N, C-alpha and C. Protein backbone atom coordinates (compact mmCIF):
# COMPACT_ATOMS: atom_id res chain seq x y z
N MET A 1 12.92 7.65 -8.60
CA MET A 1 12.60 6.41 -9.32
C MET A 1 13.19 5.20 -8.63
N ALA A 2 14.34 5.38 -7.95
CA ALA A 2 14.95 4.25 -7.25
C ALA A 2 14.06 3.74 -6.13
N ILE A 3 13.26 4.65 -5.52
CA ILE A 3 12.33 4.24 -4.46
C ILE A 3 11.07 3.67 -5.08
N HIS A 4 10.51 4.39 -6.01
CA HIS A 4 9.29 3.97 -6.72
C HIS A 4 9.27 4.64 -8.08
N PRO A 5 9.08 3.92 -9.16
CA PRO A 5 8.55 2.55 -9.22
C PRO A 5 9.59 1.44 -9.33
N LEU A 6 10.89 1.79 -9.49
CA LEU A 6 11.87 0.74 -9.77
C LEU A 6 12.14 -0.15 -8.56
N GLY A 7 11.99 0.38 -7.36
CA GLY A 7 12.20 -0.44 -6.17
C GLY A 7 13.64 -0.86 -5.96
N LEU A 8 14.60 -0.09 -6.47
CA LEU A 8 16.01 -0.42 -6.26
C LEU A 8 16.40 -0.22 -4.80
N LEU A 9 15.73 0.71 -4.14
CA LEU A 9 15.89 0.90 -2.70
C LEU A 9 14.68 0.28 -2.02
N ASP A 10 14.93 -0.58 -1.04
CA ASP A 10 13.87 -1.34 -0.40
C ASP A 10 13.88 -1.07 1.10
N TRP A 11 12.76 -0.57 1.60
CA TRP A 11 12.63 -0.24 3.02
C TRP A 11 12.94 -1.44 3.91
N GLU A 12 12.60 -2.63 3.46
CA GLU A 12 12.77 -3.83 4.27
C GLU A 12 14.21 -4.35 4.27
N LYS A 13 15.03 -3.89 3.36
CA LYS A 13 16.34 -4.52 3.15
C LYS A 13 17.34 -4.19 4.24
N SER A 14 17.48 -2.91 4.59
CA SER A 14 18.50 -2.54 5.57
C SER A 14 18.22 -1.15 6.11
N GLU A 15 18.83 -0.83 7.24
CA GLU A 15 18.70 0.50 7.80
C GLU A 15 19.38 1.53 6.91
N ALA A 16 20.45 1.12 6.21
CA ALA A 16 21.13 2.04 5.30
C ALA A 16 20.19 2.49 4.19
N GLU A 17 19.41 1.56 3.65
CA GLU A 17 18.48 1.94 2.58
C GLU A 17 17.33 2.77 3.13
N ARG A 18 16.90 2.48 4.35
CA ARG A 18 15.88 3.32 4.97
C ARG A 18 16.39 4.75 5.13
N LYS A 19 17.65 4.88 5.54
CA LYS A 19 18.24 6.21 5.72
C LYS A 19 18.25 6.97 4.40
N THR A 20 18.58 6.29 3.31
CA THR A 20 18.60 6.94 2.00
C THR A 20 17.20 7.37 1.58
N ILE A 21 16.22 6.52 1.83
CA ILE A 21 14.83 6.86 1.49
C ILE A 21 14.37 8.06 2.30
N ARG A 22 14.64 8.05 3.59
CA ARG A 22 14.26 9.20 4.44
C ARG A 22 14.92 10.48 3.94
N ALA A 23 16.20 10.37 3.57
CA ALA A 23 16.91 11.56 3.10
C ALA A 23 16.32 12.09 1.80
N GLY A 24 15.91 11.19 0.92
CA GLY A 24 15.28 11.61 -0.32
C GLY A 24 13.98 12.37 -0.08
N LEU A 25 13.16 11.87 0.82
CA LEU A 25 11.90 12.55 1.13
C LEU A 25 12.15 13.88 1.83
N ALA A 26 13.18 13.92 2.69
CA ALA A 26 13.51 15.17 3.37
C ALA A 26 13.98 16.22 2.37
N GLU A 27 14.72 15.79 1.33
CA GLU A 27 15.18 16.73 0.32
C GLU A 27 14.01 17.28 -0.50
N LEU A 28 13.03 16.44 -0.80
CA LEU A 28 11.83 16.93 -1.48
C LEU A 28 11.13 17.99 -0.65
N GLU A 29 11.04 17.75 0.65
CA GLU A 29 10.39 18.72 1.54
C GLU A 29 11.18 20.02 1.59
N ARG A 30 12.51 19.91 1.61
CA ARG A 30 13.35 21.11 1.66
C ARG A 30 13.17 21.95 0.40
N LEU A 31 13.15 21.31 -0.75
CA LEU A 31 13.02 22.04 -2.00
C LEU A 31 11.64 22.65 -2.17
N GLY A 32 10.62 21.99 -1.64
CA GLY A 32 9.27 22.51 -1.72
C GLY A 32 8.58 22.24 -3.04
N PRO A 33 7.26 22.39 -3.08
CA PRO A 33 6.47 22.00 -4.26
C PRO A 33 6.12 23.14 -5.22
N SER A 34 6.84 24.25 -5.17
CA SER A 34 6.42 25.41 -5.97
C SER A 34 6.41 25.12 -7.46
N GLU A 35 7.28 24.21 -7.93
CA GLU A 35 7.34 23.88 -9.35
C GLU A 35 6.70 22.52 -9.66
N TRP A 36 5.91 22.02 -8.74
CA TRP A 36 5.28 20.71 -8.93
C TRP A 36 4.03 20.82 -9.79
N CYS A 37 3.72 19.73 -10.48
CA CYS A 37 2.40 19.52 -11.07
C CYS A 37 1.62 18.57 -10.16
N GLY A 38 0.37 18.36 -10.49
CA GLY A 38 -0.45 17.50 -9.63
C GLY A 38 0.10 16.10 -9.49
N TYR A 39 0.61 15.54 -10.60
CA TYR A 39 1.09 14.16 -10.53
C TYR A 39 2.32 14.04 -9.64
N SER A 40 2.99 15.18 -9.34
CA SER A 40 4.10 15.13 -8.38
C SER A 40 3.59 14.75 -6.99
N TYR A 41 2.42 15.26 -6.61
CA TYR A 41 1.83 14.88 -5.34
C TYR A 41 1.39 13.42 -5.35
N ALA A 42 0.86 12.96 -6.49
CA ALA A 42 0.48 11.56 -6.59
C ALA A 42 1.70 10.66 -6.47
N TRP A 43 2.78 11.06 -7.08
CA TRP A 43 4.03 10.28 -6.99
C TRP A 43 4.55 10.29 -5.55
N LEU A 44 4.46 11.44 -4.89
CA LEU A 44 4.89 11.52 -3.49
C LEU A 44 4.08 10.55 -2.63
N GLY A 45 2.80 10.38 -2.95
CA GLY A 45 2.00 9.40 -2.23
C GLY A 45 2.57 8.00 -2.35
N ASN A 46 3.03 7.64 -3.54
CA ASN A 46 3.67 6.33 -3.74
C ASN A 46 4.99 6.23 -2.98
N LEU A 47 5.80 7.28 -3.05
CA LEU A 47 7.08 7.28 -2.34
C LEU A 47 6.87 7.13 -0.84
N ALA A 48 5.91 7.88 -0.30
CA ALA A 48 5.65 7.81 1.14
C ALA A 48 5.15 6.44 1.55
N ALA A 49 4.34 5.82 0.69
CA ALA A 49 3.86 4.47 1.01
C ALA A 49 5.02 3.49 1.07
N ARG A 50 5.98 3.60 0.15
CA ARG A 50 7.15 2.72 0.19
C ARG A 50 7.99 2.99 1.43
N ALA A 51 7.91 4.20 1.98
CA ALA A 51 8.63 4.55 3.20
C ALA A 51 7.81 4.26 4.45
N ARG A 52 6.64 3.63 4.28
CA ARG A 52 5.76 3.23 5.39
C ARG A 52 5.20 4.43 6.15
N ASP A 53 5.07 5.57 5.46
CA ASP A 53 4.53 6.78 6.08
C ASP A 53 3.10 6.98 5.59
N GLY A 54 2.15 6.37 6.28
CA GLY A 54 0.77 6.43 5.84
C GLY A 54 0.17 7.81 5.90
N ASP A 55 0.56 8.61 6.91
CA ASP A 55 0.00 9.95 7.03
C ASP A 55 0.43 10.83 5.86
N LEU A 56 1.72 10.77 5.50
CA LEU A 56 2.20 11.57 4.37
C LEU A 56 1.58 11.07 3.07
N ALA A 57 1.46 9.77 2.91
CA ALA A 57 0.86 9.23 1.69
C ALA A 57 -0.58 9.72 1.53
N ALA A 58 -1.36 9.61 2.59
CA ALA A 58 -2.77 10.02 2.52
C ALA A 58 -2.88 11.52 2.27
N ARG A 59 -2.05 12.30 2.94
CA ARG A 59 -2.10 13.76 2.77
C ARG A 59 -1.74 14.15 1.34
N SER A 60 -0.73 13.50 0.76
CA SER A 60 -0.31 13.83 -0.60
C SER A 60 -1.39 13.49 -1.61
N LEU A 61 -2.01 12.33 -1.46
CA LEU A 61 -3.06 11.93 -2.40
C LEU A 61 -4.30 12.82 -2.25
N ARG A 62 -4.55 13.27 -1.03
CA ARG A 62 -5.70 14.16 -0.82
C ARG A 62 -5.45 15.51 -1.49
N ILE A 63 -4.23 16.03 -1.37
CA ILE A 63 -3.90 17.29 -2.06
C ILE A 63 -4.06 17.13 -3.57
N PHE A 64 -3.57 16.03 -4.10
CA PHE A 64 -3.72 15.79 -5.53
C PHE A 64 -5.19 15.84 -5.94
N SER A 65 -6.03 15.10 -5.24
CA SER A 65 -7.43 14.97 -5.66
C SER A 65 -8.23 16.24 -5.41
N GLU A 66 -7.91 16.99 -4.36
CA GLU A 66 -8.69 18.17 -4.02
C GLU A 66 -8.21 19.43 -4.72
N CYS A 67 -6.92 19.50 -5.04
CA CYS A 67 -6.35 20.74 -5.55
C CYS A 67 -5.97 20.70 -7.03
N PHE A 68 -5.78 19.52 -7.58
CA PHE A 68 -5.27 19.41 -8.95
C PHE A 68 -6.22 18.64 -9.87
N CYS A 69 -7.43 18.40 -9.41
CA CYS A 69 -8.43 17.71 -10.23
C CYS A 69 -9.70 18.54 -10.31
N LEU A 70 -10.36 18.47 -11.46
CA LEU A 70 -11.65 19.14 -11.63
C LEU A 70 -12.75 18.32 -10.96
N PRO A 71 -13.95 18.88 -10.81
CA PRO A 71 -15.04 18.11 -10.20
C PRO A 71 -15.37 16.81 -10.92
N ASN A 72 -15.03 16.74 -12.22
CA ASN A 72 -15.29 15.49 -12.96
C ASN A 72 -14.15 14.48 -12.78
N SER A 73 -13.19 14.79 -11.91
CA SER A 73 -12.04 13.95 -11.55
C SER A 73 -10.86 14.08 -12.50
N PHE A 74 -10.96 14.85 -13.58
CA PHE A 74 -9.84 15.01 -14.51
C PHE A 74 -8.67 15.73 -13.82
N HIS A 75 -7.47 15.17 -13.96
CA HIS A 75 -6.27 15.82 -13.46
C HIS A 75 -5.84 16.89 -14.47
N VAL A 76 -5.62 18.12 -13.98
CA VAL A 76 -5.33 19.23 -14.89
C VAL A 76 -3.99 19.92 -14.57
N ASN A 77 -3.07 19.19 -13.98
CA ASN A 77 -1.69 19.63 -13.78
C ASN A 77 -1.52 20.75 -12.76
N GLY A 78 -2.21 21.87 -12.94
CA GLY A 78 -2.01 23.02 -12.09
C GLY A 78 -2.92 23.03 -10.87
N ASP A 79 -2.53 23.83 -9.88
CA ASP A 79 -3.30 23.96 -8.64
C ASP A 79 -4.55 24.79 -8.90
N GLN A 80 -5.69 24.16 -8.74
CA GLN A 80 -6.98 24.83 -8.97
C GLN A 80 -7.60 25.37 -7.69
N SER A 81 -6.92 25.17 -6.57
CA SER A 81 -7.54 25.50 -5.28
C SER A 81 -7.22 26.91 -4.79
N GLY A 82 -6.18 27.53 -5.36
CA GLY A 82 -5.78 28.85 -4.89
C GLY A 82 -5.13 28.82 -3.52
N THR A 83 -4.65 27.66 -3.09
CA THR A 83 -4.07 27.53 -1.75
C THR A 83 -2.55 27.41 -1.78
N GLY A 84 -1.93 27.66 -2.95
CA GLY A 84 -0.48 27.70 -3.01
C GLY A 84 0.21 26.36 -3.01
N LYS A 85 -0.47 25.32 -3.46
CA LYS A 85 0.18 24.00 -3.52
C LYS A 85 1.19 23.91 -4.66
N SER A 86 1.13 24.86 -5.60
CA SER A 86 2.08 24.94 -6.70
C SER A 86 1.97 26.32 -7.33
N ASN A 87 3.06 26.76 -7.94
CA ASN A 87 3.00 28.02 -8.69
C ASN A 87 2.26 27.86 -10.00
N PHE A 88 2.13 26.61 -10.46
CA PHE A 88 1.41 26.35 -11.71
C PHE A 88 -0.10 26.35 -11.42
N THR A 89 -0.82 27.13 -12.15
CA THR A 89 -2.28 27.20 -11.96
C THR A 89 -3.03 26.96 -13.26
N TYR A 90 -2.32 26.54 -14.31
CA TYR A 90 -2.97 26.26 -15.59
C TYR A 90 -3.77 24.95 -15.49
N ARG A 91 -4.43 24.54 -16.59
CA ARG A 91 -5.29 23.37 -16.49
C ARG A 91 -5.28 22.50 -17.74
N PRO A 92 -4.11 22.08 -18.23
CA PRO A 92 -4.10 21.08 -19.31
C PRO A 92 -4.39 19.69 -18.75
N PHE A 93 -5.30 19.01 -19.38
CA PHE A 93 -5.69 17.68 -18.88
C PHE A 93 -4.63 16.64 -19.21
N THR A 94 -4.20 15.89 -18.23
CA THR A 94 -3.35 14.71 -18.44
C THR A 94 -3.89 13.59 -17.56
N LEU A 95 -3.65 12.36 -17.96
CA LEU A 95 -4.30 11.22 -17.31
C LEU A 95 -3.38 10.47 -16.35
N GLU A 96 -2.04 10.59 -16.53
CA GLU A 96 -1.16 9.75 -15.74
C GLU A 96 -1.25 10.05 -14.24
N GLY A 97 -1.62 11.29 -13.89
CA GLY A 97 -1.75 11.61 -12.47
C GLY A 97 -2.84 10.82 -11.79
N ASN A 98 -3.95 10.61 -12.49
CA ASN A 98 -5.03 9.79 -11.92
C ASN A 98 -4.58 8.35 -11.69
N PHE A 99 -3.85 7.81 -12.67
CA PHE A 99 -3.33 6.46 -12.51
C PHE A 99 -2.34 6.38 -11.34
N ALA A 100 -1.49 7.41 -11.22
CA ALA A 100 -0.51 7.43 -10.13
C ALA A 100 -1.20 7.51 -8.78
N CYS A 101 -2.30 8.24 -8.71
CA CYS A 101 -3.06 8.34 -7.46
C CYS A 101 -3.64 6.99 -7.07
N ALA A 102 -4.22 6.29 -8.06
CA ALA A 102 -4.76 4.96 -7.79
C ALA A 102 -3.65 4.00 -7.35
N SER A 103 -2.50 4.11 -7.99
CA SER A 103 -1.35 3.28 -7.60
C SER A 103 -0.94 3.58 -6.17
N GLY A 104 -0.91 4.86 -5.79
CA GLY A 104 -0.52 5.23 -4.44
C GLY A 104 -1.45 4.66 -3.39
N LEU A 105 -2.75 4.68 -3.69
CA LEU A 105 -3.71 4.11 -2.75
C LEU A 105 -3.48 2.61 -2.59
N GLN A 106 -3.23 1.91 -3.70
CA GLN A 106 -2.95 0.48 -3.58
C GLN A 106 -1.67 0.24 -2.81
N GLU A 107 -0.65 1.07 -3.02
CA GLU A 107 0.60 0.90 -2.27
C GLU A 107 0.37 1.05 -0.77
N MET A 108 -0.58 1.89 -0.38
CA MET A 108 -0.90 2.04 1.04
C MET A 108 -1.56 0.78 1.61
N LEU A 109 -2.35 0.11 0.78
CA LEU A 109 -3.13 -1.04 1.24
C LEU A 109 -2.41 -2.36 1.08
N LEU A 110 -1.59 -2.48 0.04
CA LEU A 110 -0.98 -3.77 -0.29
C LEU A 110 0.31 -3.54 -1.05
N GLN A 111 1.37 -4.22 -0.63
CA GLN A 111 2.62 -4.20 -1.38
C GLN A 111 3.13 -5.63 -1.53
N SER A 112 3.82 -5.88 -2.64
CA SER A 112 4.31 -7.24 -2.87
C SER A 112 5.64 -7.26 -3.61
N GLN A 113 6.31 -6.10 -3.71
CA GLN A 113 7.59 -6.08 -4.39
C GLN A 113 8.59 -6.98 -3.66
N GLY A 114 9.47 -7.60 -4.42
CA GLY A 114 10.45 -8.49 -3.81
C GLY A 114 9.93 -9.86 -3.47
N GLY A 115 8.71 -10.17 -3.93
CA GLY A 115 8.19 -11.51 -3.71
C GLY A 115 7.57 -11.75 -2.36
N MET A 116 7.33 -10.71 -1.56
CA MET A 116 6.67 -10.88 -0.26
C MET A 116 5.48 -9.94 -0.16
N ILE A 117 4.34 -10.46 0.23
CA ILE A 117 3.11 -9.67 0.34
C ILE A 117 3.05 -9.02 1.71
N ARG A 118 2.72 -7.72 1.71
CA ARG A 118 2.58 -6.96 2.94
C ARG A 118 1.18 -6.36 2.96
N LEU A 119 0.45 -6.58 4.03
CA LEU A 119 -0.91 -6.07 4.16
C LEU A 119 -0.92 -4.76 4.92
N PHE A 120 -1.65 -3.77 4.41
CA PHE A 120 -1.80 -2.46 5.05
C PHE A 120 -0.44 -1.89 5.50
N PRO A 121 0.54 -1.81 4.59
CA PRO A 121 1.88 -1.39 5.00
C PRO A 121 2.01 0.09 5.30
N ALA A 122 1.07 0.91 4.81
CA ALA A 122 1.26 2.36 4.95
C ALA A 122 -0.08 3.07 5.03
N ILE A 123 -0.83 2.79 6.06
CA ILE A 123 -2.10 3.49 6.24
C ILE A 123 -2.03 4.36 7.49
N PRO A 124 -2.73 5.49 7.49
CA PRO A 124 -2.69 6.35 8.67
C PRO A 124 -3.23 5.64 9.90
N ALA A 125 -2.73 6.01 11.06
CA ALA A 125 -3.18 5.39 12.31
C ALA A 125 -4.69 5.57 12.50
N ALA A 126 -5.23 6.66 11.97
CA ALA A 126 -6.66 6.93 12.14
C ALA A 126 -7.54 5.98 11.35
N TRP A 127 -6.98 5.27 10.37
CA TRP A 127 -7.77 4.33 9.57
C TRP A 127 -7.88 3.00 10.31
N GLU A 128 -8.61 2.97 11.38
CA GLU A 128 -8.73 1.74 12.16
C GLU A 128 -9.55 0.68 11.43
N ASP A 129 -10.58 1.11 10.73
CA ASP A 129 -11.44 0.19 9.98
C ASP A 129 -11.25 0.44 8.49
N VAL A 130 -10.67 -0.50 7.78
CA VAL A 130 -10.41 -0.33 6.35
C VAL A 130 -10.35 -1.71 5.72
N SER A 131 -10.79 -1.80 4.47
CA SER A 131 -10.75 -3.09 3.78
C SER A 131 -10.54 -2.86 2.29
N PHE A 132 -10.15 -3.91 1.59
CA PHE A 132 -10.04 -3.87 0.14
C PHE A 132 -10.34 -5.26 -0.40
N GLU A 133 -10.70 -5.31 -1.68
CA GLU A 133 -11.04 -6.58 -2.32
C GLU A 133 -10.37 -6.69 -3.68
N GLY A 134 -9.77 -7.83 -3.94
CA GLY A 134 -9.29 -8.18 -5.27
C GLY A 134 -8.13 -7.38 -5.80
N LEU A 135 -7.25 -6.89 -4.93
CA LEU A 135 -6.06 -6.21 -5.42
C LEU A 135 -5.02 -7.26 -5.84
N ARG A 136 -4.31 -6.96 -6.90
CA ARG A 136 -3.37 -7.94 -7.47
C ARG A 136 -1.98 -7.78 -6.84
N ALA A 137 -1.40 -8.93 -6.48
CA ALA A 137 -0.05 -8.97 -5.93
C ALA A 137 0.84 -9.78 -6.84
N GLU A 138 2.15 -9.58 -6.71
CA GLU A 138 3.10 -10.39 -7.47
C GLU A 138 2.88 -11.86 -7.16
N GLY A 139 3.13 -12.71 -8.17
CA GLY A 139 2.91 -14.14 -7.99
C GLY A 139 1.55 -14.60 -8.45
N ALA A 140 0.78 -13.70 -9.09
CA ALA A 140 -0.57 -14.03 -9.59
C ALA A 140 -1.54 -14.35 -8.46
N PHE A 141 -1.53 -13.48 -7.42
CA PHE A 141 -2.49 -13.61 -6.33
C PHE A 141 -3.42 -12.41 -6.33
N LEU A 142 -4.71 -12.66 -6.13
CA LEU A 142 -5.69 -11.61 -5.90
C LEU A 142 -5.99 -11.61 -4.40
N VAL A 143 -5.82 -10.43 -3.79
CA VAL A 143 -5.84 -10.34 -2.33
C VAL A 143 -7.00 -9.48 -1.86
N SER A 144 -7.69 -9.94 -0.82
CA SER A 144 -8.72 -9.16 -0.13
C SER A 144 -8.41 -9.21 1.36
N ALA A 145 -8.63 -8.09 2.06
CA ALA A 145 -8.31 -8.07 3.48
C ALA A 145 -9.19 -7.07 4.20
N GLN A 146 -9.36 -7.30 5.50
CA GLN A 146 -10.13 -6.41 6.35
C GLN A 146 -9.32 -6.06 7.60
N ARG A 147 -9.42 -4.82 8.00
CA ARG A 147 -8.78 -4.34 9.22
C ARG A 147 -9.88 -3.72 10.08
N PHE A 148 -10.04 -4.23 11.29
CA PHE A 148 -11.14 -3.80 12.16
C PHE A 148 -10.56 -3.39 13.51
N ARG A 149 -10.85 -2.14 13.90
CA ARG A 149 -10.35 -1.60 15.16
C ARG A 149 -8.83 -1.74 15.27
N GLY A 150 -8.18 -1.46 14.16
CA GLY A 150 -6.73 -1.42 14.16
C GLY A 150 -6.03 -2.75 14.00
N LYS A 151 -6.79 -3.85 13.84
CA LYS A 151 -6.18 -5.16 13.71
C LYS A 151 -6.73 -5.88 12.49
N ILE A 152 -5.88 -6.64 11.82
CA ILE A 152 -6.32 -7.40 10.67
C ILE A 152 -7.25 -8.52 11.13
N SER A 153 -8.45 -8.53 10.55
CA SER A 153 -9.46 -9.49 11.00
C SER A 153 -9.70 -10.61 10.01
N GLU A 154 -9.27 -10.45 8.76
CA GLU A 154 -9.39 -11.54 7.80
C GLU A 154 -8.58 -11.18 6.55
N VAL A 155 -8.00 -12.18 5.92
CA VAL A 155 -7.31 -11.99 4.66
C VAL A 155 -7.59 -13.19 3.77
N GLU A 156 -7.76 -12.92 2.49
CA GLU A 156 -8.09 -13.97 1.52
C GLU A 156 -7.19 -13.82 0.30
N PHE A 157 -6.66 -14.95 -0.17
CA PHE A 157 -5.80 -14.98 -1.35
C PHE A 157 -6.40 -15.94 -2.37
N TYR A 158 -6.61 -15.45 -3.57
CA TYR A 158 -7.02 -16.31 -4.67
C TYR A 158 -5.79 -16.51 -5.55
N SER A 159 -5.35 -17.75 -5.68
CA SER A 159 -4.15 -18.05 -6.44
C SER A 159 -4.53 -18.42 -7.87
N GLU A 160 -4.04 -17.65 -8.83
CA GLU A 160 -4.37 -17.92 -10.23
C GLU A 160 -3.51 -19.03 -10.84
N LYS A 161 -2.31 -19.24 -10.31
CA LYS A 161 -1.44 -20.25 -10.92
C LYS A 161 -0.77 -21.19 -9.92
N GLY A 162 -1.10 -21.06 -8.62
CA GLY A 162 -0.47 -21.91 -7.62
C GLY A 162 0.92 -21.42 -7.26
N GLY A 163 1.58 -22.16 -6.39
CA GLY A 163 2.92 -21.77 -5.95
C GLY A 163 2.92 -21.34 -4.50
N VAL A 164 4.11 -21.02 -4.01
CA VAL A 164 4.27 -20.64 -2.60
C VAL A 164 4.00 -19.14 -2.44
N LEU A 165 3.11 -18.83 -1.52
CA LEU A 165 2.77 -17.45 -1.18
C LEU A 165 3.60 -17.06 0.04
N ARG A 166 4.37 -15.97 -0.08
CA ARG A 166 5.18 -15.47 1.03
C ARG A 166 4.48 -14.23 1.58
N LEU A 167 4.13 -14.29 2.86
CA LEU A 167 3.32 -13.25 3.50
C LEU A 167 3.99 -12.75 4.76
N LEU A 168 4.20 -11.43 4.86
CA LEU A 168 4.64 -10.86 6.12
C LEU A 168 3.56 -11.14 7.15
N ASN A 169 3.90 -11.86 8.19
CA ASN A 169 2.91 -12.44 9.10
C ASN A 169 2.03 -11.38 9.75
N PRO A 170 0.73 -11.36 9.44
CA PRO A 170 -0.16 -10.39 10.08
C PRO A 170 -0.62 -10.82 11.47
N PHE A 171 -0.29 -12.05 11.86
CA PHE A 171 -0.67 -12.59 13.17
C PHE A 171 0.58 -13.15 13.85
N PRO A 172 1.52 -12.28 14.26
CA PRO A 172 2.82 -12.76 14.75
C PRO A 172 2.76 -13.62 16.00
N ASP A 173 1.62 -13.60 16.72
CA ASP A 173 1.51 -14.49 17.88
C ASP A 173 1.20 -15.92 17.47
N GLY A 174 0.97 -16.14 16.17
CA GLY A 174 0.69 -17.49 15.67
C GLY A 174 -0.70 -17.99 15.94
N ASN A 175 -1.54 -17.14 16.53
CA ASN A 175 -2.87 -17.57 16.95
C ASN A 175 -3.90 -17.24 15.87
N PHE A 176 -3.89 -18.03 14.80
CA PHE A 176 -4.82 -17.78 13.70
C PHE A 176 -5.28 -19.10 13.11
N ARG A 177 -6.35 -19.01 12.35
CA ARG A 177 -6.88 -20.16 11.63
C ARG A 177 -6.59 -19.99 10.14
N ILE A 178 -6.55 -21.10 9.43
CA ILE A 178 -6.29 -21.06 8.00
C ILE A 178 -7.18 -22.08 7.31
N ALA A 179 -7.74 -21.70 6.16
CA ALA A 179 -8.55 -22.60 5.35
C ALA A 179 -8.04 -22.56 3.93
N GLY A 180 -8.00 -23.72 3.28
CA GLY A 180 -7.54 -23.81 1.90
C GLY A 180 -6.08 -24.14 1.76
N ALA A 181 -5.35 -24.22 2.87
CA ALA A 181 -3.94 -24.59 2.88
C ALA A 181 -3.59 -24.93 4.32
N SER A 182 -2.37 -25.33 4.54
CA SER A 182 -1.93 -25.65 5.90
C SER A 182 -0.55 -25.08 6.17
N ILE A 183 -0.32 -24.70 7.41
CA ILE A 183 0.97 -24.21 7.88
C ILE A 183 1.32 -24.99 9.15
N PRO A 184 2.48 -25.61 9.24
CA PRO A 184 2.86 -26.30 10.48
C PRO A 184 2.76 -25.36 11.67
N ARG A 185 2.26 -25.86 12.78
CA ARG A 185 2.07 -25.01 13.95
C ARG A 185 3.38 -24.36 14.38
N ALA A 186 4.49 -25.08 14.23
CA ALA A 186 5.78 -24.54 14.65
C ALA A 186 6.22 -23.35 13.80
N ALA A 187 5.62 -23.21 12.61
CA ALA A 187 6.03 -22.13 11.70
C ALA A 187 5.11 -20.93 11.76
N ARG A 188 4.08 -20.96 12.59
CA ARG A 188 3.06 -19.92 12.55
C ARG A 188 3.49 -18.60 13.19
N LYS A 189 4.58 -18.60 13.94
CA LYS A 189 5.06 -17.37 14.55
C LYS A 189 6.23 -16.76 13.77
N ARG A 190 6.57 -17.34 12.65
CA ARG A 190 7.66 -16.79 11.86
C ARG A 190 7.29 -15.43 11.28
N ALA A 191 8.29 -14.60 11.08
CA ALA A 191 8.05 -13.26 10.55
C ALA A 191 7.43 -13.30 9.16
N VAL A 192 7.82 -14.30 8.37
CA VAL A 192 7.28 -14.46 7.03
C VAL A 192 6.66 -15.85 6.92
N LEU A 193 5.38 -15.91 6.60
CA LEU A 193 4.70 -17.18 6.40
C LEU A 193 4.90 -17.63 4.96
N GLU A 194 5.19 -18.90 4.78
CA GLU A 194 5.28 -19.48 3.45
C GLU A 194 4.15 -20.49 3.30
N ILE A 195 3.20 -20.16 2.42
CA ILE A 195 1.97 -20.91 2.31
C ILE A 195 1.88 -21.55 0.93
N PRO A 196 1.85 -22.87 0.83
CA PRO A 196 1.68 -23.52 -0.48
C PRO A 196 0.25 -23.33 -0.97
N THR A 197 0.10 -22.93 -2.23
CA THR A 197 -1.24 -22.72 -2.78
C THR A 197 -1.41 -23.55 -4.04
N ARG A 198 -2.66 -23.82 -4.37
CA ARG A 198 -3.00 -24.55 -5.58
C ARG A 198 -3.68 -23.62 -6.57
N SER A 199 -3.48 -23.90 -7.85
CA SER A 199 -4.04 -23.06 -8.90
C SER A 199 -5.55 -22.96 -8.79
N LEU A 200 -6.07 -21.74 -8.93
CA LEU A 200 -7.50 -21.44 -8.94
C LEU A 200 -8.17 -21.83 -7.63
N ARG A 201 -7.43 -21.74 -6.53
CA ARG A 201 -7.98 -22.03 -5.20
C ARG A 201 -7.78 -20.82 -4.29
N THR A 202 -8.59 -20.77 -3.23
CA THR A 202 -8.56 -19.65 -2.30
C THR A 202 -8.02 -20.10 -0.94
N VAL A 203 -7.21 -19.25 -0.35
CA VAL A 203 -6.69 -19.47 1.00
C VAL A 203 -7.19 -18.32 1.88
N ARG A 204 -7.69 -18.64 3.07
CA ARG A 204 -8.16 -17.62 4.01
C ARG A 204 -7.44 -17.77 5.35
N LEU A 205 -7.15 -16.63 5.97
CA LEU A 205 -6.58 -16.61 7.31
C LEU A 205 -7.38 -15.63 8.16
N TRP A 206 -7.58 -15.96 9.43
CA TRP A 206 -8.27 -15.05 10.35
C TRP A 206 -7.86 -15.39 11.78
N PRO A 207 -8.00 -14.44 12.72
CA PRO A 207 -7.61 -14.69 14.10
C PRO A 207 -8.41 -15.83 14.71
N ARG A 208 -7.79 -16.59 15.57
CA ARG A 208 -8.45 -17.73 16.17
C ARG A 208 -9.65 -17.32 17.01
N LEU A 209 -9.63 -16.15 17.64
CA LEU A 209 -10.70 -15.75 18.55
C LEU A 209 -11.86 -15.05 17.86
N GLY A 210 -11.80 -14.90 16.55
CA GLY A 210 -12.90 -14.24 15.87
C GLY A 210 -12.66 -14.18 14.39
N ARG A 211 -13.65 -13.70 13.67
CA ARG A 211 -13.56 -13.62 12.21
C ARG A 211 -14.23 -12.36 11.71
N THR A 212 -13.66 -11.77 10.70
CA THR A 212 -14.12 -10.52 10.08
C THR A 212 -14.42 -9.48 11.16
N GLY A 213 -15.60 -8.90 11.15
CA GLY A 213 -15.94 -7.83 12.07
C GLY A 213 -16.01 -8.28 13.51
N ALA A 214 -16.08 -9.57 13.78
CA ALA A 214 -16.20 -10.05 15.14
C ALA A 214 -14.85 -10.36 15.79
N ALA A 215 -13.74 -10.01 15.10
CA ALA A 215 -12.42 -10.33 15.65
C ALA A 215 -12.19 -9.65 16.97
N LYS A 216 -11.51 -10.33 17.86
CA LYS A 216 -11.21 -9.79 19.18
C LYS A 216 -9.70 -9.75 19.38
């Protein structure tokens, strides 16, 4: 719980906290999943996303959906696949596992705990082309983003109440365009961009040499 959902341990804060998070995940692996229910795999997906391990996050969520859900998508706690993902093979329907799986997928695509937005923080390397629309971030922002050939090609923020948007810089070379707000040129290479936004307005950023699918 300290890793997710409480966020008391933060991957970005220090190497000491990263070490603790890694140790926690290693202990889960050592103990093994024999007494797990399906939502344990969904929760592991969230934990792995907070640890920036996209491969483990994707694998955990895939096991949840393929082994612990019926064809109608209902989560039924026990392993229905016969592949030994858990000693539990019963099938009582519970709903929180489905919600946890959806949460894990969002954690892979977008994180904003601690007041800073991070785009695609935990996706597998194989996901070169991926996008999402309208995911909610802290600060009352709705975020949409595209990743094309392994690079972020466009990001859009709709601000519901205005205020400063803090964004882990997806274009660290500073070579990007912005519409709907302004950033001083001298600040465009900073690790964290601070973008003033207005209520009910949209801000867009994209690489200077291209936009959306045409990014170079």
